[in-house]
Protein backbone atom coordinates (compact mmCIF):
# COMPACT_ATOMS: atom_id res chain seq x y z
CA MET A 1 0.00 0.00 0.00
CA ARG A 2 1.94 2.97 -1.30
CA LEU A 3 1.05 6.42 -0.03
CA ARG A 4 1.24 8.74 -3.05
CA LEU A 5 -0.03 12.24 -2.45
CA SER A 6 -1.23 12.53 -6.04
CA ASP A 7 -3.77 9.75 -5.44
CA SER A 8 -5.14 11.26 -2.22
CA ASP A 9 -8.72 12.51 -1.96
CA TRP A 10 -8.14 15.55 0.26
CA GLY A 11 -11.52 17.13 -0.37
CA GLY A 12 -13.41 13.91 0.24
CA ALA A 13 -11.55 13.37 3.52
CA LEU A 14 -12.41 16.87 4.74
CA ILE A 15 -16.07 16.42 3.84
CA ASP A 16 -16.10 13.08 5.63
CA PHE A 17 -14.72 14.64 8.83
CA ARG A 18 -17.18 17.53 8.61
CA GLU A 19 -20.16 15.20 8.23
CA ALA A 20 -18.93 13.09 11.16
CA ILE A 21 -18.79 16.19 13.38
CA THR A 22 -22.39 17.05 12.50
CA LEU A 23 -23.36 13.51 13.54
CA PHE A 24 -21.69 13.85 16.96
CA PRO A 25 -25.03 13.71 18.87
CA SER A 26 -25.92 10.47 17.09
CA ALA A 27 -22.50 9.02 17.88
CA PHE A 28 -22.94 9.92 21.55
CA MET A 29 -26.41 8.36 21.66
CA LEU A 30 -25.21 5.14 20.02
CA SER A 31 -22.21 4.92 22.36
CA TRP A 32 -24.48 5.31 25.38
CA ARG A 33 -26.76 2.64 23.94
CA ASP A 34 -23.82 0.27 23.47
CA ILE A 35 -22.91 0.62 27.14
CA SER A 36 -26.52 0.00 28.17
CA LEU A 37 -26.77 -3.11 26.00
CA ARG A 38 -23.42 -4.45 27.12
CA TYR A 39 -24.49 -4.49 30.77
CA ARG A 40 -28.17 -5.27 30.30
CA GLY A 41 -29.46 -7.37 33.21
CA SER A 42 -26.41 -6.59 35.35
CA THR A 43 -26.90 -5.22 38.86
CA LEU A 44 -23.96 -2.82 38.86
CA GLY A 45 -23.81 -2.36 35.09
CA PRO A 46 -20.68 -0.50 33.91
CA PHE A 47 -19.71 0.07 37.53
CA TRP A 48 -18.35 -3.48 37.52
CA TYR A 49 -15.48 -1.85 35.63
CA THR A 50 -15.15 0.64 38.48
CA MET A 51 -15.22 -2.14 41.06
CA SER A 52 -12.55 -4.19 39.26
CA THR A 53 -10.24 -1.16 39.11
CA PHE A 54 -10.83 -0.43 42.79
CA LEU A 55 -9.94 -4.00 43.78
CA GLN A 56 -6.90 -3.97 41.50
CA ILE A 57 -5.36 -0.85 43.01
CA GLN A 58 -6.12 -2.17 46.51
CA PHE A 59 -4.28 -5.42 45.81
CA LEU A 60 -1.37 -3.90 43.90
CA GLY A 61 -1.17 -1.03 46.38
CA PHE A 62 -0.58 -3.62 49.07
CA LEU A 63 1.85 -5.82 47.12
CA PHE A 64 4.16 -3.57 45.10
CA PRO A 65 5.13 -1.09 47.83
CA THR A 66 6.43 -4.08 49.79
CA LEU A 67 8.28 -5.54 46.80
CA PHE A 68 9.97 -2.23 45.95
CA ASN A 69 10.43 -1.22 49.59
CA ARG A 70 8.50 1.99 48.94
CA THR A 71 5.73 2.25 51.51
CA ASP A 72 5.50 6.05 51.29
CA VAL A 73 2.23 7.67 50.25
CA GLU A 74 3.75 9.30 47.16
CA TYR A 75 4.56 5.94 45.59
CA ILE A 76 1.10 4.54 46.34
CA GLN A 77 -0.47 7.63 44.72
CA TRP A 78 1.82 7.24 41.69
CA LEU A 79 0.96 3.54 41.33
CA SER A 80 -2.81 3.84 41.82
CA LEU A 81 -3.38 6.84 39.55
CA GLY A 82 -0.99 5.44 36.95
CA ILE A 83 -3.00 2.21 36.73
CA ILE A 84 -6.26 4.15 36.36
CA CYS A 85 -4.90 6.35 33.56
CA TRP A 86 -3.28 3.40 31.78
CA GLN A 87 -6.64 1.63 31.71
CA PHE A 88 -7.86 4.38 29.43
CA ILE A 89 -4.91 4.32 27.03
CA SER A 90 -4.31 0.59 26.66
CA PRO A 91 -7.88 -0.69 26.02
CA THR A 92 -8.50 2.19 23.61
CA LEU A 93 -5.51 1.34 21.42
CA GLY A 94 -5.98 -2.41 21.88
CA GLY A 95 -9.55 -2.33 20.58
CA ALA A 96 -8.95 -0.02 17.63
CA ASP A 97 -8.52 -2.96 15.23
CA GLY A 98 -12.29 -3.50 15.12
CA ILE A 99 -13.40 0.06 14.38
CA PHE A 100 -13.99 -0.56 10.67
CA VAL A 101 -13.96 -4.36 10.70
CA TYR A 102 -17.09 -4.67 12.85
CA ALA A 103 -18.83 -1.83 11.01
CA ARG A 104 -18.26 -3.26 7.53
CA GLY A 105 -21.87 -4.37 7.22
CA ILE A 106 -23.04 -0.80 7.89
CA TYR A 107 -20.85 1.41 5.72
CA THR A 108 -21.07 -0.97 2.74
CA GLU A 109 -24.86 -0.64 2.69
CA ARG A 110 -25.47 2.90 3.94
CA LYS A 111 -23.87 6.24 3.15
CA ILE A 112 -22.26 7.05 6.49
CA PRO A 113 -18.95 8.93 6.83
CA TYR A 114 -16.16 6.56 7.76
CA SER A 115 -14.80 8.84 10.45
CA PHE A 116 -18.17 8.60 12.22
CA PHE A 117 -17.25 5.10 13.43
CA CYS A 118 -13.98 6.32 14.94
CA VAL A 119 -15.79 9.23 16.64
CA LYS A 120 -18.34 6.81 18.08
CA TYR A 121 -15.56 4.49 19.28
CA MET A 122 -13.71 7.28 21.10
CA ILE A 123 -16.88 8.56 22.74
CA LEU A 124 -17.54 5.05 24.00
CA GLN A 125 -14.02 4.77 25.44
CA VAL A 126 -14.26 8.15 27.18
CA LEU A 127 -17.65 7.29 28.68
CA VAL A 128 -16.28 4.01 30.01
CA PHE A 129 -13.26 5.78 31.48
CA LEU A 130 -15.45 8.36 33.23
CA HIS A 131 -16.81 5.49 35.31
CA GLN A 132 -13.39 5.55 36.98
CA LEU A 133 -14.08 8.96 38.53
CA PRO A 134 -15.34 7.40 41.82
CA VAL A 135 -12.04 5.49 42.11
CA ILE A 136 -10.08 8.67 41.39
CA LEU A 137 -12.02 10.55 44.08
CA TYR A 138 -11.41 7.68 46.48
CA CYS A 139 -7.65 7.85 45.84
CA ILE A 140 -7.66 11.61 46.41
CA TYR A 141 -9.54 11.19 49.70
CA ALA A 142 -7.73 8.07 50.94
CA TRP A 143 -4.23 9.40 50.29
CA ASP A 144 -5.10 12.94 51.40
CA ILE A 145 -4.06 14.56 48.12
CA SER A 146 -4.36 18.33 48.22
CA ILE A 147 -5.79 19.47 44.89
CA GLY A 148 -8.16 22.23 43.81
CA PHE A 149 -10.36 23.20 40.90
CA THR A 150 -7.32 24.19 38.82
CA HIS A 151 -5.85 20.69 39.08
CA PHE A 152 -9.14 19.13 37.99
CA ALA A 153 -9.32 21.56 35.06
CA ILE A 154 -5.78 20.63 34.00
CA PHE A 155 -6.66 16.94 34.34
CA PHE A 156 -9.64 17.28 32.00
CA LEU A 157 -7.52 19.34 29.60
CA GLY A 158 -4.95 16.56 29.57
CA LEU A 159 -7.70 13.97 29.13
CA THR A 160 -9.03 15.92 26.15
CA LEU A 161 -5.62 16.15 24.47
CA VAL A 162 -4.89 12.48 25.13
CA SER A 163 -8.30 11.56 23.70
CA MET A 164 -7.54 13.54 20.54
CA ILE A 165 -4.18 11.80 20.14
CA LEU A 166 -5.79 8.41 20.70
CA PHE A 167 -8.50 9.29 18.19
CA CYS A 168 -5.87 9.88 15.51
CA ALA A 169 -3.91 6.77 16.48
CA CYS A 170 -7.07 4.62 16.47
CA PHE A 171 -8.04 6.01 13.07
CA ILE A 172 -4.68 4.93 11.68
CA LEU A 173 -4.85 1.50 13.34
CA GLY A 174 -8.43 0.97 12.23
CA ILE A 175 -7.50 1.50 8.58
CA LEU A 176 -4.29 -0.53 8.74
CA CYS A 177 -6.04 -3.45 10.46
CA LEU A 178 -8.43 -3.69 7.51
CA ARG A 179 -5.50 -4.29 5.19
CA PHE A 180 -2.96 -6.09 7.38
CA TYR A 181 -4.30 -8.75 9.73
CA ASP A 182 -1.10 -8.99 11.78
CA ILE A 183 -1.40 -5.42 13.09
CA PRO A 184 -3.61 -6.30 16.13
CA GLN A 185 -1.04 -8.80 17.41
CA ILE A 186 1.76 -6.27 16.93
CA VAL A 187 -0.21 -3.58 18.77
CA ASN A 188 -0.93 -5.88 21.72
CA LEU A 189 2.75 -6.81 21.90
CA LEU A 190 3.81 -3.15 21.85
CA LEU A 191 1.25 -2.30 24.52
CA TYR A 192 2.64 -5.03 26.76
CA ILE A 193 6.20 -3.80 26.26
CA GLY A 194 5.06 -0.22 26.78
CA PHE A 195 3.33 -1.21 30.01
CA MET A 196 6.61 -2.56 31.35
CA LEU A 197 8.74 0.37 30.19
CA THR A 198 6.32 3.12 31.24
CA PRO A 199 6.64 4.50 34.79
CA ILE A 200 3.50 2.96 36.25
CA PHE A 201 4.77 0.45 38.79
CA TRP A 202 8.06 2.28 39.18
CA MET A 203 9.02 5.92 39.64
CA PRO A 204 11.76 7.73 37.68
CA GLN A 205 14.10 8.01 40.65
CA MET A 206 13.89 4.23 41.13
CA ALA A 207 15.38 3.61 37.66
CA GLY A 208 18.64 5.48 38.22
CA GLY A 209 20.52 6.34 35.05
CA ARG A 210 18.20 4.22 32.92
CA TRP A 211 15.45 6.79 33.46
CA ARG A 212 16.71 8.56 30.35
CA LEU A 213 15.24 5.76 28.24
CA ALA A 214 11.74 6.52 29.56
CA ARG A 215 11.99 10.05 28.19
CA TYR A 216 11.69 8.57 24.70
CA ASN A 217 8.54 6.67 25.70
CA PRO A 218 5.42 8.50 24.40
CA PHE A 219 3.20 6.67 26.90
CA TYR A 220 4.97 8.46 29.74
CA TYR A 221 3.84 11.87 28.50
CA LEU A 222 0.28 10.65 27.88
CA LEU A 223 0.18 9.52 31.51
CA ASP A 224 1.93 12.60 32.87
CA VAL A 225 -0.63 15.16 31.68
CA MET A 226 -3.39 13.15 33.41
CA ARG A 227 -1.65 11.76 36.49
CA SER A 228 0.36 14.78 37.67
CA PRO A 229 -2.67 17.08 38.22
CA LEU A 230 -4.45 14.34 40.18
CA MET A 231 -1.41 14.10 42.45
CA GLY A 232 -1.52 17.86 43.04
CA ASN A 233 1.61 18.46 40.95
CA ASP A 234 2.24 20.76 38.01
CA VAL A 235 2.66 19.21 34.58
CA ALA A 236 6.14 19.82 33.19
CA PHE A 237 6.26 22.28 30.31
CA SER A 238 8.21 19.72 28.27
CA SER A 239 5.26 17.30 28.60
CA TRP A 240 2.87 19.87 27.11
CA VAL A 241 5.27 20.53 24.24
CA ILE A 242 5.66 16.83 23.45
CA ILE A 243 1.92 16.23 23.74
CA GLY A 244 1.31 19.08 21.30
CA ALA A 245 3.86 17.64 18.88
CA MET A 246 2.32 14.17 19.18
CA LEU A 247 -1.12 15.59 18.44
CA LEU A 248 0.10 17.49 15.38
CA ILE A 249 2.04 14.53 13.95
CA SER A 250 -0.71 11.99 14.63
CA ALA A 251 -3.38 14.27 13.13
CA LEU A 252 -1.37 14.83 9.95
CA ALA A 253 -0.59 11.12 9.64
CA ALA A 254 -4.22 10.12 10.17
CA PHE A 255 -5.51 12.66 7.66
CA MET A 256 -2.96 11.73 5.00
CA LEU A 257 -3.65 8.00 5.40
CA PHE A 258 -7.42 8.52 5.36
CA ALA A 259 -7.26 10.77 2.29
CA ARG A 260 -5.21 8.10 0.53
CA CYS A 261 -7.36 5.10 1.52
CA ARG A 262 -10.88 6.53 1.91
CA LYS A 263 -12.15 5.26 -1.43
CA ARG A 264 -10.72 1.78 -0.77
CA ILE A 265 -11.94 1.15 2.76
CA ALA A 266 -15.14 -0.52 1.57
CA PHE A 267 -13.12 -2.96 -0.57
CA TYR A 268 -10.50 -4.03 2.01
């Protein structure tokens, strides 16, 4: 699949994005309906996801501080909030392979903008993640984190920027997974490696000189703009710069790939 700019449908891609934005209310309604159908007949519904995260941070918050000999509150905050934020990034990227695959029966029969399915997918992921807010509030209360309205505002700003980056990344993965069936396995492998190399279970000062390697890990910056405000800390200026660069690069890459492949998606 060669990406030649001369074969790209720039105008068609722009129109597709514009139509998807106008259908945002429909995408939100369908995402909410998907959540309702997924947990139909369940007592707790989507809050089972909240409960599983709560139990996970309780168990890991008891085990890992002992293993790493870090029983201080700062490490427990870092670990708990890192796990919560990672559970937004990893499932979102891991499930992007089915964005267009599972919707093939819809866009081959009806005239619906392709980007609508990616918008709907990201809305669904954000709604699911918002069910983690009770766990976040519990962590803030239990570990006596001193934060104010400004920190919450910065957290939601970071969440918005991360969601936009993930939207672009999922758009790219969704198209590539239509053409190359090995991409999902590669993504899952990279997510596992990224989970180990990203400062979630460990803090930068625990890595010594090898901490420099984490600075080249994009997952670290995605976590930093969400986790630091929740810990009552300021987000480093370098993190904002890198997040802005990641958003620009991912948006350009997604648009160029979509403009090149838009007319072929239905035939992959």
